[in-house]
Amino acid sequence: MRGMSDDDYVYDEASGEWRPKSEMAEANRTVVRDASGNELADGDSVTLIKDLKVKGAGQTLKQGTVIRSIRLTDNPEEIDCRHDTIKGLVLRTEFVRKR
């Protein structure tokens, strides 16, 4: 059996209690959701739900376009994406649906 150490518990200022570190980490986790409310994770594939004009690229991504291997960002409303013709693409989660 593993012994308990001081770092197993963290003080939760909101409740004024000492709580298990794992419980606090789960409570602080940001959930990123698509336009339909499905939870997104790194590596997911998404589909565009409307045509999007891409600023600076001079092209439009059509509704139904599949974007593979997304990466979550610090902002829960944006995801980093890769597309064949556009480098450094960032999409708002309100315009995508998980596949």
PDB file of N, CA and C in Angstrom:
ATOM      1  N   MET A   1       0.841  -1.175   0.000  1.00  0.00           N
ATOM      2  CA  MET A   1       0.000   0.000   0.000  1.00  0.00           C
ATOM      3  C   MET A   1       0.886   1.238   0.000  1.00  0.00           C
ATOM      4  N   ARG A   2       0.536   2.214  -0.796  1.00  0.00           N
ATOM      5  CA  ARG A   2       1.309   3.434  -0.933  1.00  0.00           C
ATOM      6  C   ARG A   2       0.977   4.375   0.216  1.00  0.00           C
ATOM      7  N   GLY A   3       1.997   4.986   0.774  1.00  0.00           N
ATOM      8  CA  GLY A   3       1.776   5.943   1.858  1.00  0.00           C
ATOM      9  C   GLY A   3       1.298   7.281   1.329  1.00  0.00           C
ATOM     10  N   MET A   4       0.552   7.998   2.130  1.00  0.00           N
ATOM     11  CA  MET A   4       0.031   9.299   1.714  1.00  0.00           C
ATOM     12  C   MET A   4       1.109  10.343   1.960  1.00  0.00           C
ATOM     13  N   SER A   5       1.239  11.272   1.041  1.00  0.00           N
ATOM     14  CA  SER A   5       2.185  12.363   1.211  1.00  0.00           C
ATOM     15  C   SER A   5       1.441  13.684   1.123  1.00  0.00           C
ATOM     16  N   ASP A   6       2.146  14.773   1.438  1.00  0.00           N
ATOM     17  CA  ASP A   6       1.511  16.091   1.455  1.00  0.00           C
ATOM     18  C   ASP A   6       0.955  16.511   0.099  1.00  0.00           C
ATOM     19  N   ASP A   7       1.558  16.043  -1.011  1.00  0.00           N
ATOM     20  CA  ASP A   7       1.112  16.488  -2.321  1.00  0.00           C
ATOM     21  C   ASP A   7      -0.092  15.708  -2.847  1.00  0.00           C
ATOM     22  N   ASP A   8      -0.656  14.798  -2.065  1.00  0.00           N
ATOM     23  CA  ASP A   8      -1.834  14.061  -2.488  1.00  0.00           C
ATOM     24  C   ASP A   8      -3.104  14.887  -2.341  1.00  0.00           C
ATOM     25  N   TYR A   9      -3.049  15.970  -1.579  1.00  0.00           N
ATOM     26  CA  TYR A   9      -4.215  16.817  -1.359  1.00  0.00           C
ATOM     27  C   TYR A   9      -3.890  18.267  -1.692  1.00  0.00           C
ATOM     28  N   VAL A  10      -4.888  18.968  -2.205  1.00  0.00           N
ATOM     29  CA  VAL A  10      -4.744  20.364  -2.595  1.00  0.00           C
ATOM     30  C   VAL A  10      -5.860  21.154  -1.933  1.00  0.00           C
ATOM     31  N   TYR A  11      -5.523  22.363  -1.476  1.00  0.00           N
ATOM     32  CA  TYR A  11      -6.522  23.208  -0.836  1.00  0.00           C
ATOM     33  C   TYR A  11      -7.400  23.855  -1.901  1.00  0.00           C
ATOM     34  N   ASP A  12      -8.714  23.642  -1.820  1.00  0.00           N
ATOM     35  CA  ASP A  12      -9.676  24.210  -2.762  1.00  0.00           C
ATOM     36  C   ASP A  12     -10.239  25.484  -2.150  1.00  0.00           C
ATOM     37  N   GLU A  13      -9.823  26.632  -2.716  1.00  0.00           N
ATOM     38  CA  GLU A  13     -10.253  27.918  -2.167  1.00  0.00           C
ATOM     39  C   GLU A  13     -11.753  28.134  -2.314  1.00  0.00           C
ATOM     40  N   ALA A  14     -12.363  27.574  -3.339  1.00  0.00           N
ATOM     41  CA  ALA A  14     -13.799  27.758  -3.563  1.00  0.00           C
ATOM     42  C   ALA A  14     -14.629  27.115  -2.446  1.00  0.00           C
ATOM     43  N   SER A  15     -14.238  25.909  -2.030  1.00  0.00           N
ATOM     44  CA  SER A  15     -15.011  25.211  -0.998  1.00  0.00           C
ATOM     45  C   SER A  15     -14.400  25.352   0.398  1.00  0.00           C
ATOM     46  N   GLY A  16     -13.126  25.770   0.457  1.00  0.00           N
ATOM     47  CA  GLY A  16     -12.451  25.886   1.749  1.00  0.00           C
ATOM     48  C   GLY A  16     -12.059  24.542   2.331  1.00  0.00           C
ATOM     49  N   GLU A  17     -11.919  23.535   1.478  1.00  0.00           N
ATOM     50  CA  GLU A  17     -11.593  22.181   1.934  1.00  0.00           C
ATOM     51  C   GLU A  17     -10.328  21.677   1.248  1.00  0.00           C
ATOM     52  N   TRP A  18      -9.705  20.685   1.892  1.00  0.00           N
ATOM     53  CA  TRP A  18      -8.585  19.969   1.268  1.00  0.00           C
ATOM     54  C   TRP A  18      -9.192  18.828   0.483  1.00  0.00           C
ATOM     55  N   ARG A  19      -8.872  18.758  -0.815  1.00  0.00           N
ATOM     56  CA  ARG A  19      -9.449  17.729  -1.678  1.00  0.00           C
ATOM     57  C   ARG A  19      -8.341  16.969  -2.391  1.00  0.00           C
ATOM     58  N   PRO A  20      -8.596  15.716  -2.794  1.00  0.00           N
ATOM     59  CA  PRO A  20      -7.580  14.935  -3.513  1.00  0.00           C
ATOM     60  C   PRO A  20      -7.143  15.659  -4.787  1.00  0.00           C
ATOM     61  N   LYS A  21      -5.844  15.596  -5.063  1.00  0.00           N
ATOM     62  CA  LYS A  21      -5.271  16.280  -6.226  1.00  0.00           C
ATOM     63  C   LYS A  21      -5.933  15.828  -7.527  1.00  0.00           C
ATOM     64  N   SER A  22      -6.197  14.535  -7.654  1.00  0.00           N
ATOM     65  CA  SER A  22      -6.809  14.012  -8.879  1.00  0.00           C
ATOM     66  C   SER A  22      -8.215  14.578  -9.079  1.00  0.00           C
ATOM     67  N   GLU A  23      -8.942  14.755  -8.005  1.00  0.00           N
ATOM     68  CA  GLU A  23     -10.293  15.322  -8.069  1.00  0.00           C
ATOM     69  C   GLU A  23     -10.247  16.782  -8.511  1.00  0.00           C
ATOM     70  N   MET A  24      -9.262  17.529  -8.027  1.00  0.00           N
ATOM     71  CA  MET A  24      -9.117  18.940  -8.394  1.00  0.00           C
ATOM     72  C   MET A  24      -8.697  19.072  -9.857  1.00  0.00           C
ATOM     73  N   ALA A  25      -7.827  18.193 -10.331  1.00  0.00           N
ATOM     74  CA  ALA A  25      -7.385  18.245 -11.727  1.00  0.00           C
ATOM     75  C   ALA A  25      -8.565  18.016 -12.659  1.00  0.00           C
ATOM     76  N   GLU A  26      -9.425  17.091 -12.323  1.00  0.00           N
ATOM     77  CA  GLU A  26     -10.611  16.808 -13.137  1.00  0.00           C
ATOM     78  C   GLU A  26     -11.565  17.998 -13.125  1.00  0.00           C
ATOM     79  N   ALA A  27     -11.717  18.661 -11.999  1.00  0.00           N
ATOM     80  CA  ALA A  27     -12.619  19.804 -11.893  1.00  0.00           C
ATOM     81  C   ALA A  27     -12.109  20.998 -12.696  1.00  0.00           C
ATOM     82  N   ASN A  28     -10.783  21.139 -12.826  1.00  0.00           N
ATOM     83  CA  ASN A  28     -10.195  22.269 -13.549  1.00  0.00           C
ATOM     84  C   ASN A  28     -10.031  22.016 -15.043  1.00  0.00           C
ATOM     85  N   ARG A  29     -10.337  20.813 -15.514  1.00  0.00           N
ATOM     86  CA  ARG A  29     -10.166  20.458 -16.918  1.00  0.00           C
ATOM     87  C   ARG A  29     -11.181  21.216 -17.762  1.00  0.00           C
ATOM     88  N   THR A  30     -10.712  21.843 -18.837  1.00  0.00           N
ATOM     89  CA  THR A  30     -11.578  22.575 -19.740  1.00  0.00           C
ATOM     90  C   THR A  30     -12.148  21.620 -20.770  1.00  0.00           C
ATOM     91  N   VAL A  31     -13.449  21.650 -20.943  1.00  0.00           N
ATOM     92  CA  VAL A  31     -14.107  20.793 -21.916  1.00  0.00           C
ATOM     93  C   VAL A  31     -14.367  21.619 -23.172  1.00  0.00           C
ATOM     94  N   VAL A  32     -13.929  21.092 -24.314  1.00  0.00           N
ATOM     95  CA  VAL A  32     -14.135  21.760 -25.597  1.00  0.00           C
ATOM     96  C   VAL A  32     -15.239  21.009 -26.324  1.00  0.00           C
ATOM     97  N   ARG A  33     -16.248  21.749 -26.790  1.00  0.00           N
ATOM     98  CA  ARG A  33     -17.395  21.118 -27.447  1.00  0.00           C
ATOM     99  C   ARG A  33     -17.603  21.685 -28.849  1.00  0.00           C
ATOM    100  N   ASP A  34     -18.122  20.826 -29.735  1.00  0.00           N
ATOM    101  CA  ASP A  34     -18.423  21.261 -31.100  1.00  0.00           C
ATOM    102  C   ASP A  34     -19.795  21.943 -31.142  1.00  0.00           C
ATOM    103  N   ALA A  35     -20.268  22.268 -32.335  1.00  0.00           N
ATOM    104  CA  ALA A  35     -21.539  22.972 -32.503  1.00  0.00           C
ATOM    105  C   ALA A  35     -22.728  22.154 -31.997  1.00  0.00           C
ATOM    106  N   SER A  36     -22.595  20.839 -31.974  1.00  0.00           N
ATOM    107  CA  SER A  36     -23.684  19.967 -31.510  1.00  0.00           C
ATOM    108  C   SER A  36     -23.578  19.615 -30.033  1.00  0.00           C
ATOM    109  N   GLY A  37     -22.531  20.081 -29.369  1.00  0.00           N
ATOM    110  CA  GLY A  37     -22.360  19.791 -27.945  1.00  0.00           C
ATOM    111  C   GLY A  37     -21.526  18.562 -27.657  1.00  0.00           C
ATOM    112  N   ASN A  38     -20.948  17.928 -28.684  1.00  0.00           N
ATOM    113  CA  ASN A  38     -20.089  16.756 -28.478  1.00  0.00           C
ATOM    114  C   ASN A  38     -18.719  17.207 -28.001  1.00  0.00           C
ATOM    115  N   GLU A  39     -18.148  16.460 -27.062  1.00  0.00           N
ATOM    116  CA  GLU A  39     -16.822  16.795 -26.534  1.00  0.00           C
ATOM    117  C   GLU A  39     -15.743  16.473 -27.562  1.00  0.00           C
ATOM    118  N   LEU A  40     -14.820  17.419 -27.760  1.00  0.00           N
ATOM    119  CA  LEU A  40     -13.714  17.232 -28.692  1.00  0.00           C
ATOM    120  C   LEU A  40     -12.432  16.926 -27.929  1.00  0.00           C
ATOM    121  N   ALA A  41     -11.530  16.172 -28.576  1.00  0.00           N
ATOM    122  CA  ALA A  41     -10.235  15.835 -27.987  1.00  0.00           C
ATOM    123  C   ALA A  41      -9.168  15.944 -29.063  1.00  0.00           C
ATOM    124  N   ASP A  42      -7.907  16.065 -28.643  1.00  0.00           N
ATOM    125  CA  ASP A  42      -6.798  16.089 -29.595  1.00  0.00           C
ATOM    126  C   ASP A  42      -6.861  14.852 -30.486  1.00  0.00           C
ATOM    127  N   GLY A  43      -6.654  15.052 -31.791  1.00  0.00           N
ATOM    128  CA  GLY A  43      -6.634  13.940 -32.733  1.00  0.00           C
ATOM    129  C   GLY A  43      -7.973  13.614 -33.366  1.00  0.00           C
ATOM    130  N   ASP A  44      -9.055  14.222 -32.902  1.00  0.00           N
ATOM    131  CA  ASP A  44     -10.380  13.971 -33.483  1.00  0.00           C
ATOM    132  C   ASP A  44     -10.450  14.508 -34.908  1.00  0.00           C
ATOM    133  N   SER A  45     -11.403  13.989 -35.676  1.00  0.00           N
ATOM    134  CA  SER A  45     -11.725  14.524 -36.991  1.00  0.00           C
ATOM    135  C   SER A  45     -13.045  15.265 -36.876  1.00  0.00           C
ATOM    136  N   VAL A  46     -13.144  16.389 -37.586  1.00  0.00           N
ATOM    137  CA  VAL A  46     -14.361  17.186 -37.556  1.00  0.00           C
ATOM    138  C   VAL A  46     -14.796  17.503 -38.983  1.00  0.00           C
ATOM    139  N   THR A  47     -16.072  17.860 -39.145  1.00  0.00           N
ATOM    140  CA  THR A  47     -16.646  18.250 -40.423  1.00  0.00           C
ATOM    141  C   THR A  47     -17.155  19.676 -40.300  1.00  0.00           C
ATOM    142  N   LEU A  48     -16.924  20.493 -41.313  1.00  0.00           N
ATOM    143  CA  LEU A  48     -17.431  21.866 -41.306  1.00  0.00           C
ATOM    144  C   LEU A  48     -18.941  21.852 -41.504  1.00  0.00           C
ATOM    145  N   ILE A  49     -19.668  22.687 -40.761  1.00  0.00           N
ATOM    146  CA  ILE A  49     -21.121  22.718 -40.875  1.00  0.00           C
ATOM    147  C   ILE A  49     -21.603  23.877 -41.741  1.00  0.00           C
ATOM    148  N   LYS A  50     -20.670  24.706 -42.232  1.00  0.00           N
ATOM    149  CA  LYS A  50     -21.027  25.780 -43.164  1.00  0.00           C
ATOM    150  C   LYS A  50     -19.794  26.178 -43.956  1.00  0.00           C
ATOM    151  N   ASP A  51     -19.995  26.865 -45.089  1.00  0.00           N
ATOM    152  CA  ASP A  51     -18.885  27.377 -45.884  1.00  0.00           C
ATOM    153  C   ASP A  51     -18.157  28.452 -45.087  1.00  0.00           C
ATOM    154  N   LEU A  52     -16.828  28.419 -45.096  1.00  0.00           N
ATOM    155  CA  LEU A  52     -16.033  29.401 -44.359  1.00  0.00           C
ATOM    156  C   LEU A  52     -15.004  30.042 -45.281  1.00  0.00           C
ATOM    157  N   LYS A  53     -15.034  31.368 -45.355  1.00  0.00           N
ATOM    158  CA  LYS A  53     -14.003  32.094 -46.101  1.00  0.00           C
ATOM    159  C   LYS A  53     -12.779  32.190 -45.195  1.00  0.00           C
ATOM    160  N   VAL A  54     -11.637  31.813 -45.711  1.00  0.00           N
ATOM    161  CA  VAL A  54     -10.413  31.805 -44.922  1.00  0.00           C
ATOM    162  C   VAL A  54      -9.658  33.108 -45.183  1.00  0.00           C
ATOM    163  N   LYS A  55      -9.543  33.923 -44.147  1.00  0.00           N
ATOM    164  CA  LYS A  55      -8.838  35.204 -44.272  1.00  0.00           C
ATOM    165  C   LYS A  55      -7.373  34.959 -44.592  1.00  0.00           C
ATOM    166  N   GLY A  56      -6.839  35.752 -45.531  1.00  0.00           N
ATOM    167  CA  GLY A  56      -5.429  35.650 -45.876  1.00  0.00           C
ATOM    168  C   GLY A  56      -5.102  34.547 -46.862  1.00  0.00           C
ATOM    169  N   ALA A  57      -5.980  33.565 -47.020  1.00  0.00           N
ATOM    170  CA  ALA A  57      -5.714  32.462 -47.942  1.00  0.00           C
ATOM    171  C   ALA A  57      -6.447  32.660 -49.268  1.00  0.00           C
ATOM    172  N   GLY A  58      -7.438  33.542 -49.278  1.00  0.00           N
ATOM    173  CA  GLY A  58      -8.174  33.811 -50.502  1.00  0.00           C
ATOM    174  C   GLY A  58      -8.957  32.623 -51.017  1.00  0.00           C
ATOM    175  N   GLN A  59      -9.431  31.772 -50.139  1.00  0.00           N
ATOM    176  CA  GLN A  59     -10.229  30.628 -50.565  1.00  0.00           C
ATOM    177  C   GLN A  59     -11.321  30.341 -49.551  1.00  0.00           C
ATOM    178  N   THR A  60     -12.247  29.486 -49.940  1.00  0.00           N
ATOM    179  CA  THR A  60     -13.373  29.122 -49.085  1.00  0.00           C
ATOM    180  C   THR A  60     -13.337  27.625 -48.819  1.00  0.00           C
ATOM    181  N   LEU A  61     -13.463  27.241 -47.565  1.00  0.00           N
ATOM    182  CA  LEU A  61     -13.618  25.830 -47.204  1.00  0.00           C
ATOM    183  C   LEU A  61     -15.107  25.526 -47.246  1.00  0.00           C
ATOM    184  N   LYS A  62     -15.491  24.509 -47.982  1.00  0.00           N
ATOM    185  CA  LYS A  62     -16.898  24.195 -48.202  1.00  0.00           C
ATOM    186  C   LYS A  62     -17.484  23.378 -47.048  1.00  0.00           C
ATOM    187  N   GLN A  63     -18.787  23.557 -46.861  1.00  0.00           N
ATOM    188  CA  GLN A  63     -19.517  22.757 -45.882  1.00  0.00           C
ATOM    189  C   GLN A  63     -19.302  21.287 -46.198  1.00  0.00           C
ATOM    190  N   GLY A  64     -19.085  20.464 -45.166  1.00  0.00           N
ATOM    191  CA  GLY A  64     -18.847  19.034 -45.353  1.00  0.00           C
ATOM    192  C   GLY A  64     -17.383  18.660 -45.453  1.00  0.00           C
ATOM    193  N   THR A  65     -16.490  19.670 -45.536  1.00  0.00           N
ATOM    194  CA  THR A  65     -15.055  19.393 -45.583  1.00  0.00           C
ATOM    195  C   THR A  65     -14.633  18.714 -44.289  1.00  0.00           C
ATOM    196  N   VAL A  66     -13.868  17.635 -44.402  1.00  0.00           N
ATOM    197  CA  VAL A  66     -13.391  16.902 -43.233  1.00  0.00           C
ATOM    198  C   VAL A  66     -12.000  17.410 -42.867  1.00  0.00           C
ATOM    199  N   ILE A  67     -11.833  17.753 -41.607  1.00  0.00           N
ATOM    200  CA  ILE A  67     -10.536  18.173 -41.063  1.00  0.00           C
ATOM    201  C   ILE A  67     -10.102  17.090 -40.083  1.00  0.00           C
ATOM    202  N   ARG A  68      -8.920  16.516 -40.308  1.00  0.00           N
ATOM    203  CA  ARG A  68      -8.437  15.411 -39.466  1.00  0.00           C
ATOM    204  C   ARG A  68      -7.371  15.901 -38.479  1.00  0.00           C
ATOM    205  N   SER A  69      -7.221  15.178 -37.412  1.00  0.00           N
ATOM    206  CA  SER A  69      -6.168  15.406 -36.410  1.00  0.00           C
ATOM    207  C   SER A  69      -6.153  16.836 -35.867  1.00  0.00           C
ATOM    208  N   ILE A  70      -7.259  17.238 -35.252  1.00  0.00           N
ATOM    209  CA  ILE A  70      -7.319  18.565 -34.655  1.00  0.00           C
ATOM    210  C   ILE A  70      -6.480  18.599 -33.378  1.00  0.00           C
ATOM    211  N   ARG A  71      -6.110  19.796 -32.956  1.00  0.00           N
ATOM    212  CA  ARG A  71      -5.418  20.000 -31.682  1.00  0.00           C
ATOM    213  C   ARG A  71      -6.177  21.059 -30.898  1.00  0.00           C
ATOM    214  N   LEU A  72      -6.411  20.804 -29.635  1.00  0.00           N
ATOM    215  CA  LEU A  72      -7.084  21.771 -28.783  1.00  0.00           C
ATOM    216  C   LEU A  72      -6.126  22.900 -28.437  1.00  0.00           C
ATOM    217  N   THR A  73      -6.659  24.084 -28.196  1.00  0.00           N
ATOM    218  CA  THR A  73      -5.859  25.248 -27.825  1.00  0.00           C
ATOM    219  C   THR A  73      -6.218  25.665 -26.409  1.00  0.00           C
ATOM    220  N   ASP A  74      -5.598  26.733 -25.931  1.00  0.00           N
ATOM    221  CA  ASP A  74      -5.940  27.263 -24.608  1.00  0.00           C
ATOM    222  C   ASP A  74      -7.344  27.864 -24.591  1.00  0.00           C
ATOM    223  N   ASN A  75      -7.831  28.256 -25.763  1.00  0.00           N
ATOM    224  CA  ASN A  75      -9.161  28.834 -25.884  1.00  0.00           C
ATOM    225  C   ASN A  75     -10.152  27.713 -26.207  1.00  0.00           C
ATOM    226  N   PRO A  76     -11.163  27.465 -25.355  1.00  0.00           N
ATOM    227  CA  PRO A  76     -12.105  26.372 -25.607  1.00  0.00           C
ATOM    228  C   PRO A  76     -13.008  26.609 -26.819  1.00  0.00           C
ATOM    229  N   GLU A  77     -12.940  27.799 -27.434  1.00  0.00           N
ATOM    230  CA  GLU A  77     -13.764  28.091 -28.604  1.00  0.00           C
ATOM    231  C   GLU A  77     -12.986  27.975 -29.914  1.00  0.00           C
ATOM    232  N   GLU A  78     -11.700  27.582 -29.845  1.00  0.00           N
ATOM    233  CA  GLU A  78     -10.878  27.480 -31.047  1.00  0.00           C
ATOM    234  C   GLU A  78     -10.099  26.169 -31.055  1.00  0.00           C
ATOM    235  N   ILE A  79      -9.879  25.635 -32.277  1.00  0.00           N
ATOM    236  CA  ILE A  79      -9.060  24.440 -32.453  1.00  0.00           C
ATOM    237  C   ILE A  79      -8.040  24.692 -33.558  1.00  0.00           C
ATOM    238  N   ASP A  80      -6.835  24.134 -33.399  1.00  0.00           N
ATOM    239  CA  ASP A  80      -5.808  24.176 -34.448  1.00  0.00           C
ATOM    240  C   ASP A  80      -6.077  23.023 -35.395  1.00  0.00           C
ATOM    241  N   CYS A  81      -5.914  23.290 -36.693  1.00  0.00           N
ATOM    242  CA  CYS A  81      -6.205  22.269 -37.697  1.00  0.00           C
ATOM    243  C   CYS A  81      -5.137  22.260 -38.776  1.00  0.00           C
ATOM    244  N   ARG A  82      -5.117  21.185 -39.520  1.00  0.00           N
ATOM    245  CA  ARG A  82      -4.281  21.083 -40.712  1.00  0.00           C
ATOM    246  C   ARG A  82      -5.206  20.856 -41.893  1.00  0.00           C
ATOM    247  N   HIS A  83      -4.926  21.561 -42.979  1.00  0.00           N
ATOM    248  CA  HIS A  83      -5.650  21.344 -44.227  1.00  0.00           C
ATOM    249  C   HIS A  83      -4.605  21.313 -45.324  1.00  0.00           C
ATOM    250  N   ASP A  84      -4.850  20.557 -46.370  1.00  0.00           N
ATOM    251  CA  ASP A  84      -3.868  20.383 -47.443  1.00  0.00           C
ATOM    252  C   ASP A  84      -3.362  21.707 -48.005  1.00  0.00           C
ATOM    253  N   THR A  85      -4.234  22.682 -48.155  1.00  0.00           N
ATOM    254  CA  THR A  85      -3.862  23.927 -48.832  1.00  0.00           C
ATOM    255  C   THR A  85      -3.634  25.110 -47.901  1.00  0.00           C
ATOM    256  N   ILE A  86      -3.911  24.948 -46.596  1.00  0.00           N
ATOM    257  CA  ILE A  86      -3.809  26.080 -45.675  1.00  0.00           C
ATOM    258  C   ILE A  86      -2.971  25.694 -44.458  1.00  0.00           C
ATOM    259  N   LYS A  87      -1.892  26.444 -44.230  1.00  0.00           N
ATOM    260  CA  LYS A  87      -1.062  26.205 -43.045  1.00  0.00           C
ATOM    261  C   LYS A  87      -1.572  27.052 -41.886  1.00  0.00           C
ATOM    262  N   GLY A  88      -1.436  26.545 -40.677  1.00  0.00           N
ATOM    263  CA  GLY A  88      -1.783  27.321 -39.486  1.00  0.00           C
ATOM    264  C   GLY A  88      -3.249  27.671 -39.390  1.00  0.00           C
ATOM    265  N   LEU A  89      -4.116  26.765 -39.756  1.00  0.00           N
ATOM    266  CA  LEU A  89      -5.557  27.004 -39.750  1.00  0.00           C
ATOM    267  C   LEU A  89      -6.103  26.876 -38.331  1.00  0.00           C
ATOM    268  N   VAL A  90      -6.847  27.893 -37.896  1.00  0.00           N
ATOM    269  CA  VAL A  90      -7.538  27.864 -36.602  1.00  0.00           C
ATOM    270  C   VAL A  90      -9.023  28.027 -36.878  1.00  0.00           C
ATOM    271  N   LEU A  91      -9.830  27.088 -36.391  1.00  0.00           N
ATOM    272  CA  LEU A  91     -11.277  27.147 -36.597  1.00  0.00           C
ATOM    273  C   LEU A  91     -11.993  27.354 -35.281  1.00  0.00           C
ATOM    274  N   ARG A  92     -13.111  28.027 -35.345  1.00  0.00           N
ATOM    275  CA  ARG A  92     -13.964  28.190 -34.168  1.00  0.00           C
ATOM    276  C   ARG A  92     -14.809  26.934 -34.032  1.00  0.00           C
ATOM    277  N   THR A  93     -15.000  26.477 -32.809  1.00  0.00           N
ATOM    278  CA  THR A  93     -15.726  25.231 -32.577  1.00  0.00           C
ATOM    279  C   THR A  93     -17.208  25.333 -32.958  1.00  0.00           C
ATOM    280  N   GLU A  94     -17.732  26.543 -33.050  1.00  0.00           N
ATOM    281  CA  GLU A  94     -19.134  26.709 -33.409  1.00  0.00           C
ATOM    282  C   GLU A  94     -19.411  26.333 -34.875  1.00  0.00           C
ATOM    283  N   PHE A  95     -18.345  26.159 -35.684  1.00  0.00           N
ATOM    284  CA  PHE A  95     -18.515  25.840 -37.102  1.00  0.00           C
ATOM    285  C   PHE A  95     -18.135  24.403 -37.453  1.00  0.00           C
ATOM    286  N   VAL A  96     -17.895  23.559 -36.452  1.00  0.00           N
ATOM    287  CA  VAL A  96     -17.494  22.180 -36.729  1.00  0.00           C
ATOM    288  C   VAL A  96     -18.371  21.190 -35.950  1.00  0.00           C
ATOM    289  N   ARG A  97     -18.423  19.965 -36.493  1.00  0.00           N
ATOM    290  CA  ARG A  97     -19.140  18.880 -35.820  1.00  0.00           C
ATOM    291  C   ARG A  97     -18.219  17.667 -35.827  1.00  0.00           C
ATOM    292  N   LYS A  98     -18.136  16.980 -34.702  1.00  0.00           N
ATOM    293  CA  LYS A  98     -17.291  15.797 -34.562  1.00  0.00           C
ATOM    294  C   LYS A  98     -17.797  14.688 -35.477  1.00  0.00           C
ATOM    295  N   ARG A  99     -16.853  13.969 -36.082  1.00  0.00           N
ATOM    296  CA  ARG A  99     -17.211  12.839 -36.966  1.00  0.00           C
ATOM    297  C   ARG A  99     -17.372  11.574 -36.187  1.00  0.00           C
TER     298      ARG A  99
END
